[in-house]
């Protein structure tokens, strides 16, 4: 279990997704969690060697266990704050991606409408141009009108082509934003899962140190049955 926090911290370093710089709350929380974890590791690793030289009723024994317990609580609380900040940042990032995606999807629909209108306009002009071409055969004076209509047709065709290209770019960006949103939502779920795991670990470590304190008291009672409490009863 002592390795849990190192694995946990390694798994969530990327979560706040912010550069390490002065004044960055996420970085400060990460550093605090790492420091608290290191402090607990030092105390926890040396606890057994420290208490094995003490007599069962030595008050330093329970004090040593309580010291490690408090260090454990401190590091679990620090990691909890770090993960909660990561969740808050992940939710904000997801919302930003969701807003950007909605705007891009709206842009795709708008461009699609404009492109469809341009295509319909070009179809109508092509029909008029075909009729006018037939008329020019009988009325050469309509040649100038036909030339103007051809220029308009070319302009509409160019606009329709530009709109198709724009629609393709917007669709590609919308797809990229969809992937980004899914990735950010997955990151948020991952941090939330790690926070849920931390809650369980917090309970287990609390039970562990409570059991050690209870065992120390029990060993004291067994080895010293005529302690202060017994003498008072007599």
C-alpha atoms as a PDB file:
ATOM      1  CA  UNK A   1       0.000   0.000   0.000  1.00  0.00           C
ATOM      2  CA  UNK A   2       2.922   2.331   0.602  1.00  0.00           C
ATOM      3  CA  UNK A   3       3.629   2.326  -3.116  1.00  0.00           C
ATOM      4  CA  UNK A   4       0.079   3.393  -3.915  1.00  0.00           C
ATOM      5  CA  UNK A   5       0.656   7.125  -3.758  1.00  0.00           C
ATOM      6  CA  UNK A   6       3.693   7.012  -6.024  1.00  0.00           C
ATOM      7  CA  UNK A   7       1.700   5.106  -8.646  1.00  0.00           C
ATOM      8  CA  UNK A   8      -1.245   7.446  -8.183  1.00  0.00           C
ATOM      9  CA  UNK A   9       0.833  10.592  -8.516  1.00  0.00           C
ATOM     10  CA  UNK A  10       2.630   9.218 -11.567  1.00  0.00           C
ATOM     11  CA  UNK A  11      -0.733   8.492 -13.157  1.00  0.00           C
ATOM     12  CA  UNK A  12      -2.158  11.986 -12.674  1.00  0.00           C
ATOM     13  CA  UNK A  13       0.828  14.272 -13.302  1.00  0.00           C
ATOM     14  CA  UNK A  14      -0.575  15.037 -16.749  1.00  0.00           C
ATOM     15  CA  UNK A  15      -4.065  15.785 -15.488  1.00  0.00           C
ATOM     16  CA  UNK A  16      -3.864  19.493 -14.769  1.00  0.00           C
ATOM     17  CA  UNK A  17      -2.404  19.970 -18.255  1.00  0.00           C
ATOM     18  CA  UNK A  18      -0.606  23.177 -17.332  1.00  0.00           C
ATOM     19  CA  UNK A  19       3.073  24.154 -17.546  1.00  0.00           C
ATOM     20  CA  UNK A  20       5.160  24.143 -14.406  1.00  0.00           C
ATOM     21  CA  UNK A  21       5.525  27.795 -13.600  1.00  0.00           C
ATOM     22  CA  UNK A  22       5.408  30.096 -10.621  1.00  0.00           C
ATOM     23  CA  UNK A  23       1.877  30.846  -9.493  1.00  0.00           C
ATOM     24  CA  UNK A  24       0.371  27.754 -11.152  1.00  0.00           C
ATOM     25  CA  UNK A  25      -2.102  26.332  -8.566  1.00  0.00           C
ATOM     26  CA  UNK A  26      -1.961  22.864 -10.102  1.00  0.00           C
ATOM     27  CA  UNK A  27       1.811  22.760  -9.917  1.00  0.00           C
ATOM     28  CA  UNK A  28       1.775  23.995  -6.328  1.00  0.00           C
ATOM     29  CA  UNK A  29      -0.724  21.299  -5.341  1.00  0.00           C
ATOM     30  CA  UNK A  30       1.353  18.641  -7.092  1.00  0.00           C
ATOM     31  CA  UNK A  31       4.473  19.735  -5.248  1.00  0.00           C
ATOM     32  CA  UNK A  32       2.633  19.785  -1.916  1.00  0.00           C
ATOM     33  CA  UNK A  33       1.286  16.274  -2.539  1.00  0.00           C
ATOM     34  CA  UNK A  34       4.739  15.006  -3.523  1.00  0.00           C
ATOM     35  CA  UNK A  35       6.324  16.537  -0.414  1.00  0.00           C
ATOM     36  CA  UNK A  36       3.645  15.100   1.882  1.00  0.00           C
ATOM     37  CA  UNK A  37       4.066  11.698   0.267  1.00  0.00           C
ATOM     38  CA  UNK A  38       7.832  11.796   0.694  1.00  0.00           C
ATOM     39  CA  UNK A  39       7.475  12.777   4.359  1.00  0.00           C
ATOM     40  CA  UNK A  40       5.093   9.905   5.010  1.00  0.00           C
ATOM     41  CA  UNK A  41       7.349   7.441   3.177  1.00  0.00           C
ATOM     42  CA  UNK A  42      10.305   8.310   5.381  1.00  0.00           C
ATOM     43  CA  UNK A  43       8.302   7.911   8.583  1.00  0.00           C
ATOM     44  CA  UNK A  44       6.449   4.791   7.443  1.00  0.00           C
ATOM     45  CA  UNK A  45       9.596   2.952   6.345  1.00  0.00           C
ATOM     46  CA  UNK A  46      11.309   3.610   9.652  1.00  0.00           C
ATOM     47  CA  UNK A  47       8.342   2.898  11.905  1.00  0.00           C
ATOM     48  CA  UNK A  48       8.882  -0.841  12.443  1.00  0.00           C
ATOM     49  CA  UNK A  49      12.577  -0.450  13.185  1.00  0.00           C
ATOM     50  CA  UNK A  50      11.803   2.397  15.538  1.00  0.00           C
ATOM     51  CA  UNK A  51       9.109   0.724  17.625  1.00  0.00           C
ATOM     52  CA  UNK A  52      10.648  -2.751  17.839  1.00  0.00           C
ATOM     53  CA  UNK A  53      13.174  -1.445  20.370  1.00  0.00           C
ATOM     54  CA  UNK A  54      10.415  -0.070  22.619  1.00  0.00           C
ATOM     55  CA  UNK A  55       8.562  -1.807  25.416  1.00  0.00           C
ATOM     56  CA  UNK A  56       4.813  -2.392  24.889  1.00  0.00           C
ATOM     57  CA  UNK A  57       3.734   0.323  27.332  1.00  0.00           C
ATOM     58  CA  UNK A  58       6.303   2.892  26.239  1.00  0.00           C
ATOM     59  CA  UNK A  59       4.326   6.084  25.406  1.00  0.00           C
ATOM     60  CA  UNK A  60       6.811   6.767  22.620  1.00  0.00           C
ATOM     61  CA  UNK A  61       5.489   3.701  20.789  1.00  0.00           C
ATOM     62  CA  UNK A  62       1.962   5.037  20.355  1.00  0.00           C
ATOM     63  CA  UNK A  63       3.384   8.493  19.686  1.00  0.00           C
ATOM     64  CA  UNK A  64       5.478   7.072  16.824  1.00  0.00           C
ATOM     65  CA  UNK A  65       2.476   5.308  15.298  1.00  0.00           C
ATOM     66  CA  UNK A  66       0.344   8.434  15.642  1.00  0.00           C
ATOM     67  CA  UNK A  67       3.064  10.513  13.992  1.00  0.00           C
ATOM     68  CA  UNK A  68       3.029   8.260  10.920  1.00  0.00           C
ATOM     69  CA  UNK A  69      -0.771   8.226  10.969  1.00  0.00           C
ATOM     70  CA  UNK A  70      -0.880  12.017  10.898  1.00  0.00           C
ATOM     71  CA  UNK A  71       1.670  12.070   8.071  1.00  0.00           C
ATOM     72  CA  UNK A  72      -0.486   9.571   6.181  1.00  0.00           C
ATOM     73  CA  UNK A  73      -3.571  11.718   6.658  1.00  0.00           C
ATOM     74  CA  UNK A  74      -1.645  14.794   5.504  1.00  0.00           C
ATOM     75  CA  UNK A  75      -0.418  13.212   2.282  1.00  0.00           C
ATOM     76  CA  UNK A  76      -3.828  11.663   1.484  1.00  0.00           C
ATOM     77  CA  UNK A  77      -5.472  15.063   2.009  1.00  0.00           C
ATOM     78  CA  UNK A  78      -2.836  16.720  -0.198  1.00  0.00           C
ATOM     79  CA  UNK A  79      -3.347  14.222  -3.011  1.00  0.00           C
ATOM     80  CA  UNK A  80      -7.108  14.597  -2.626  1.00  0.00           C
ATOM     81  CA  UNK A  81      -6.821  18.378  -3.132  1.00  0.00           C
ATOM     82  CA  UNK A  82      -4.575  17.771  -6.142  1.00  0.00           C
ATOM     83  CA  UNK A  83      -7.043  15.372  -7.762  1.00  0.00           C
ATOM     84  CA  UNK A  84     -10.021  17.613  -7.026  1.00  0.00           C
ATOM     85  CA  UNK A  85      -8.198  20.486  -8.711  1.00  0.00           C
ATOM     86  CA  UNK A  86      -7.450  18.175 -11.633  1.00  0.00           C
ATOM     87  CA  UNK A  87     -11.130  17.283 -11.943  1.00  0.00           C
ATOM     88  CA  UNK A  88     -12.134  20.947 -11.858  1.00  0.00           C
ATOM     89  CA  UNK A  89      -9.596  21.746 -14.581  1.00  0.00           C
ATOM     90  CA  UNK A  90     -10.666  18.723 -16.645  1.00  0.00           C
ATOM     91  CA  UNK A  91     -14.305  19.796 -16.432  1.00  0.00           C
ATOM     92  CA  UNK A  92     -13.367  23.297 -17.545  1.00  0.00           C
ATOM     93  CA  UNK A  93     -11.309  21.926 -20.428  1.00  0.00           C
ATOM     94  CA  UNK A  94     -14.168  19.639 -21.476  1.00  0.00           C
ATOM     95  CA  UNK A  95     -16.631  22.507 -21.408  1.00  0.00           C
ATOM     96  CA  UNK A  96     -14.329  24.663 -23.527  1.00  0.00           C
ATOM     97  CA  UNK A  97     -13.972  21.858 -26.075  1.00  0.00           C
ATOM     98  CA  UNK A  98     -17.743  21.297 -26.045  1.00  0.00           C
ATOM     99  CA  UNK A  99     -18.402  25.003 -26.676  1.00  0.00           C
ATOM    100  CA  UNK A 100     -15.853  25.142 -29.488  1.00  0.00           C
ATOM    101  CA  UNK A 101     -17.329  22.002 -31.064  1.00  0.00           C
ATOM    102  CA  UNK A 102     -20.865  23.408 -30.938  1.00  0.00           C
ATOM    103  CA  UNK A 103     -19.685  26.608 -32.640  1.00  0.00           C
ATOM    104  CA  UNK A 104     -17.843  24.646 -35.322  1.00  0.00           C
ATOM    105  CA  UNK A 105     -20.807  22.384 -35.957  1.00  0.00           C
ATOM    106  CA  UNK A 106     -22.966  25.486 -36.390  1.00  0.00           C
ATOM    107  CA  UNK A 107     -20.402  26.858 -38.846  1.00  0.00           C
ATOM    108  CA  UNK A 108     -20.515  23.580 -40.800  1.00  0.00           C
ATOM    109  CA  UNK A 109     -24.301  23.819 -41.086  1.00  0.00           C
ATOM    110  CA  UNK A 110     -24.128  27.464 -42.154  1.00  0.00           C
ATOM    111  CA  UNK A 111     -21.539  26.795 -44.840  1.00  0.00           C
ATOM    112  CA  UNK A 112     -23.523  23.781 -46.029  1.00  0.00           C
ATOM    113  CA  UNK A 113     -26.606  25.992 -46.431  1.00  0.00           C
ATOM    114  CA  UNK A 114     -24.617  28.629 -48.340  1.00  0.00           C
ATOM    115  CA  UNK A 115     -23.041  25.973 -50.559  1.00  0.00           C
ATOM    116  CA  UNK A 116     -26.400  24.371 -51.316  1.00  0.00           C
ATOM    117  CA  UNK A 117     -27.845  27.770 -52.218  1.00  0.00           C
ATOM    118  CA  UNK A 118     -24.866  28.475 -54.491  1.00  0.00           C
ATOM    119  CA  UNK A 119     -25.301  25.114 -56.190  1.00  0.00           C
ATOM    120  CA  UNK A 120     -29.002  25.768 -56.739  1.00  0.00           C
ATOM    121  CA  UNK A 121     -28.212  29.232 -58.095  1.00  0.00           C
ATOM    122  CA  UNK A 122     -25.678  27.778 -60.485  1.00  0.00           C
ATOM    123  CA  UNK A 123     -28.172  25.167 -61.711  1.00  0.00           C
ATOM    124  CA  UNK A 124     -30.690  27.922 -62.401  1.00  0.00           C
ATOM    125  CA  UNK A 125     -28.105  30.036 -64.218  1.00  0.00           C
ATOM    126  CA  UNK A 126     -26.988  27.043 -66.289  1.00  0.00           C
ATOM    127  CA  UNK A 127     -30.609  26.538 -67.381  1.00  0.00           C
ATOM    128  CA  UNK A 128     -30.951  30.194 -68.336  1.00  0.00           C
ATOM    129  CA  UNK A 129     -27.614  30.088 -70.112  1.00  0.00           C
ATOM    130  CA  UNK A 130     -28.686  27.064 -72.123  1.00  0.00           C
ATOM    131  CA  UNK A 131     -31.892  28.817 -73.189  1.00  0.00           C
ATOM    132  CA  UNK A 132     -30.006  31.993 -74.000  1.00  0.00           C
ATOM    133  CA  UNK A 133     -27.460  30.100 -76.086  1.00  0.00           C
ATOM    134  CA  UNK A 134     -30.266  28.680 -78.185  1.00  0.00           C
ATOM    135  CA  UNK A 135     -31.771  32.153 -78.557  1.00  0.00           C
ATOM    136  CA  UNK A 136     -28.478  33.678 -79.694  1.00  0.00           C
ATOM    137  CA  UNK A 137     -28.622  31.532 -82.795  1.00  0.00           C
ATOM    138  CA  UNK A 138     -31.670  33.444 -83.906  1.00  0.00           C
ATOM    139  CA  UNK A 139     -30.909  36.761 -82.235  1.00  0.00           C
ATOM    140  CA  UNK A 140     -27.185  37.606 -82.323  1.00  0.00           C
ATOM    141  CA  UNK A 141     -27.867  40.744 -80.287  1.00  0.00           C
ATOM    142  CA  UNK A 142     -28.276  38.510 -77.237  1.00  0.00           C
ATOM    143  CA  UNK A 143     -24.616  37.515 -77.394  1.00  0.00           C
ATOM    144  CA  UNK A 144     -23.617  40.283 -74.961  1.00  0.00           C
ATOM    145  CA  UNK A 145     -26.251  39.139 -72.457  1.00  0.00           C
ATOM    146  CA  UNK A 146     -25.030  35.571 -72.833  1.00  0.00           C
ATOM    147  CA  UNK A 147     -21.443  36.652 -72.117  1.00  0.00           C
ATOM    148  CA  UNK A 148     -22.524  38.477 -68.983  1.00  0.00           C
ATOM    149  CA  UNK A 149     -24.512  35.464 -67.843  1.00  0.00           C
ATOM    150  CA  UNK A 150     -21.482  33.233 -68.457  1.00  0.00           C
ATOM    151  CA  UNK A 151     -19.374  35.528 -66.258  1.00  0.00           C
ATOM    152  CA  UNK A 152     -22.002  35.342 -63.526  1.00  0.00           C
ATOM    153  CA  UNK A 153     -22.077  31.565 -63.870  1.00  0.00           C
ATOM    154  CA  UNK A 154     -18.307  31.387 -63.516  1.00  0.00           C
ATOM    155  CA  UNK A 155     -18.432  33.559 -60.399  1.00  0.00           C
ATOM    156  CA  UNK A 156     -21.131  31.417 -58.816  1.00  0.00           C
ATOM    157  CA  UNK A 157     -19.149  28.273 -59.688  1.00  0.00           C
ATOM    158  CA  UNK A 158     -16.068  29.732 -58.044  1.00  0.00           C
ATOM    159  CA  UNK A 159     -18.063  30.667 -54.963  1.00  0.00           C
ATOM    160  CA  UNK A 160     -19.587  27.194 -54.781  1.00  0.00           C
ATOM    161  CA  UNK A 161     -16.123  25.659 -55.040  1.00  0.00           C
ATOM    162  CA  UNK A 162     -14.796  27.925 -52.310  1.00  0.00           C
ATOM    163  CA  UNK A 163     -17.728  26.995 -50.088  1.00  0.00           C
ATOM    164  CA  UNK A 164     -17.087  23.287 -50.670  1.00  0.00           C
ATOM    165  CA  UNK A 165     -13.469  23.753 -49.599  1.00  0.00           C
ATOM    166  CA  UNK A 166     -14.546  25.791 -46.581  1.00  0.00           C
ATOM    167  CA  UNK A 167     -17.078  23.143 -45.637  1.00  0.00           C
ATOM    168  CA  UNK A 168     -14.370  20.468 -45.809  1.00  0.00           C
ATOM    169  CA  UNK A 169     -12.100  22.500 -43.526  1.00  0.00           C
ATOM    170  CA  UNK A 170     -14.883  23.154 -41.018  1.00  0.00           C
ATOM    171  CA  UNK A 171     -15.856  19.472 -41.045  1.00  0.00           C
ATOM    172  CA  UNK A 172     -12.233  18.452 -40.398  1.00  0.00           C
ATOM    173  CA  UNK A 173     -11.963  20.924 -37.530  1.00  0.00           C
ATOM    174  CA  UNK A 174     -15.262  19.694 -36.081  1.00  0.00           C
ATOM    175  CA  UNK A 175     -13.946  16.117 -36.211  1.00  0.00           C
ATOM    176  CA  UNK A 176     -10.748  17.193 -34.463  1.00  0.00           C
ATOM    177  CA  UNK A 177     -12.751  18.991 -31.778  1.00  0.00           C
ATOM    178  CA  UNK A 178     -14.915  15.902 -31.320  1.00  0.00           C
ATOM    179  CA  UNK A 179     -11.785  13.842 -30.689  1.00  0.00           C
ATOM    180  CA  UNK A 180     -10.468  16.512 -28.326  1.00  0.00           C
ATOM    181  CA  UNK A 181     -13.721  16.575 -26.366  1.00  0.00           C
ATOM    182  CA  UNK A 182     -13.742  12.780 -26.089  1.00  0.00           C
ATOM    183  CA  UNK A 183     -10.122  12.802 -24.896  1.00  0.00           C
ATOM    184  CA  UNK A 184     -10.823  15.473 -22.283  1.00  0.00           C
ATOM    185  CA  UNK A 185     -13.916  13.666 -21.070  1.00  0.00           C
ATOM    186  CA  UNK A 186     -11.890  10.456 -20.795  1.00  0.00           C
ATOM    187  CA  UNK A 187      -9.254  12.325 -18.804  1.00  0.00           C
ATOM    188  CA  UNK A 188     -11.935  13.689 -16.483  1.00  0.00           C
ATOM    189  CA  UNK A 189     -13.365  10.204 -15.929  1.00  0.00           C
ATOM    190  CA  UNK A 190      -9.881   8.840 -15.238  1.00  0.00           C
ATOM    191  CA  UNK A 191      -9.181  11.460 -12.563  1.00  0.00           C
ATOM    192  CA  UNK A 192     -12.604  10.908 -11.015  1.00  0.00           C
ATOM    193  CA  UNK A 193     -11.870   7.174 -10.861  1.00  0.00           C
ATOM    194  CA  UNK A 194      -8.532   7.855  -9.187  1.00  0.00           C
ATOM    195  CA  UNK A 195     -10.209  10.130  -6.669  1.00  0.00           C
ATOM    196  CA  UNK A 196     -12.726   7.377  -5.874  1.00  0.00           C
ATOM    197  CA  UNK A 197      -9.798   4.975  -5.379  1.00  0.00           C
ATOM    198  CA  UNK A 198      -8.101   7.490  -3.107  1.00  0.00           C
ATOM    199  CA  UNK A 199     -11.222   7.696  -0.943  1.00  0.00           C
ATOM    200  CA  UNK A 200     -11.041   3.936  -0.433  1.00  0.00           C
ATOM    201  CA  UNK A 201      -7.319   4.089   0.293  1.00  0.00           C
ATOM    202  CA  UNK A 202      -7.893   6.850   2.837  1.00  0.00           C
ATOM    203  CA  UNK A 203     -10.345   4.626   4.705  1.00  0.00           C
ATOM    204  CA  UNK A 204      -8.012   1.630   4.555  1.00  0.00           C
ATOM    205  CA  UNK A 205      -4.990   3.524   5.830  1.00  0.00           C
ATOM    206  CA  UNK A 206      -7.076   5.003   8.642  1.00  0.00           C
ATOM    207  CA  UNK A 207      -8.164   1.493   9.624  1.00  0.00           C
ATOM    208  CA  UNK A 208      -4.583   0.238   9.378  1.00  0.00           C
ATOM    209  CA  UNK A 209      -3.123   2.785  11.783  1.00  0.00           C
ATOM    210  CA  UNK A 210      -6.103   2.489  14.110  1.00  0.00           C
ATOM    211  CA  UNK A 211      -5.451  -1.269  14.229  1.00  0.00           C
ATOM    212  CA  UNK A 212      -1.782  -0.717  15.006  1.00  0.00           C
ATOM    213  CA  UNK A 213      -2.644   1.620  17.853  1.00  0.00           C
ATOM    214  CA  UNK A 214      -5.209  -0.872  19.186  1.00  0.00           C
ATOM    215  CA  UNK A 215      -2.673  -3.690  18.974  1.00  0.00           C
ATOM    216  CA  UNK A 216      -0.083  -1.630  20.818  1.00  0.00           C
ATOM    217  CA  UNK A 217      -2.604  -0.958  23.580  1.00  0.00           C
ATOM    218  CA  UNK A 218      -3.574  -4.622  23.727  1.00  0.00           C
ATOM    219  CA  UNK A 219       0.072  -5.714  24.006  1.00  0.00           C
ATOM    220  CA  UNK A 220       0.550  -3.195  26.804  1.00  0.00           C
ATOM    221  CA  UNK A 221      -2.506  -4.554  28.648  1.00  0.00           C
ATOM    222  CA  UNK A 222      -1.283  -8.150  28.257  1.00  0.00           C
ATOM    223  CA  UNK A 223       2.273  -7.505  29.397  1.00  0.00           C
ATOM    224  CA  UNK A 224       1.283  -5.138  32.190  1.00  0.00           C
ATOM    225  CA  UNK A 225      -2.035  -6.383  33.663  1.00  0.00           C
ATOM    226  CA  UNK A 226      -1.314  -4.652  36.983  1.00  0.00           C
ATOM    227  CA  UNK A 227      -0.961  -1.248  35.386  1.00  0.00           C
ATOM    228  CA  UNK A 228      -2.446   1.963  36.726  1.00  0.00           C
ATOM    229  CA  UNK A 229      -6.011   1.044  35.803  1.00  0.00           C
ATOM    230  CA  UNK A 230      -5.802  -2.293  37.686  1.00  0.00           C
ATOM    231  CA  UNK A 231      -4.292  -0.760  40.814  1.00  0.00           C
ATOM    232  CA  UNK A 232      -7.023   1.861  40.956  1.00  0.00           C
ATOM    233  CA  UNK A 233      -9.685  -0.896  41.031  1.00  0.00           C
ATOM    234  CA  UNK A 234      -7.962  -2.513  43.986  1.00  0.00           C
END
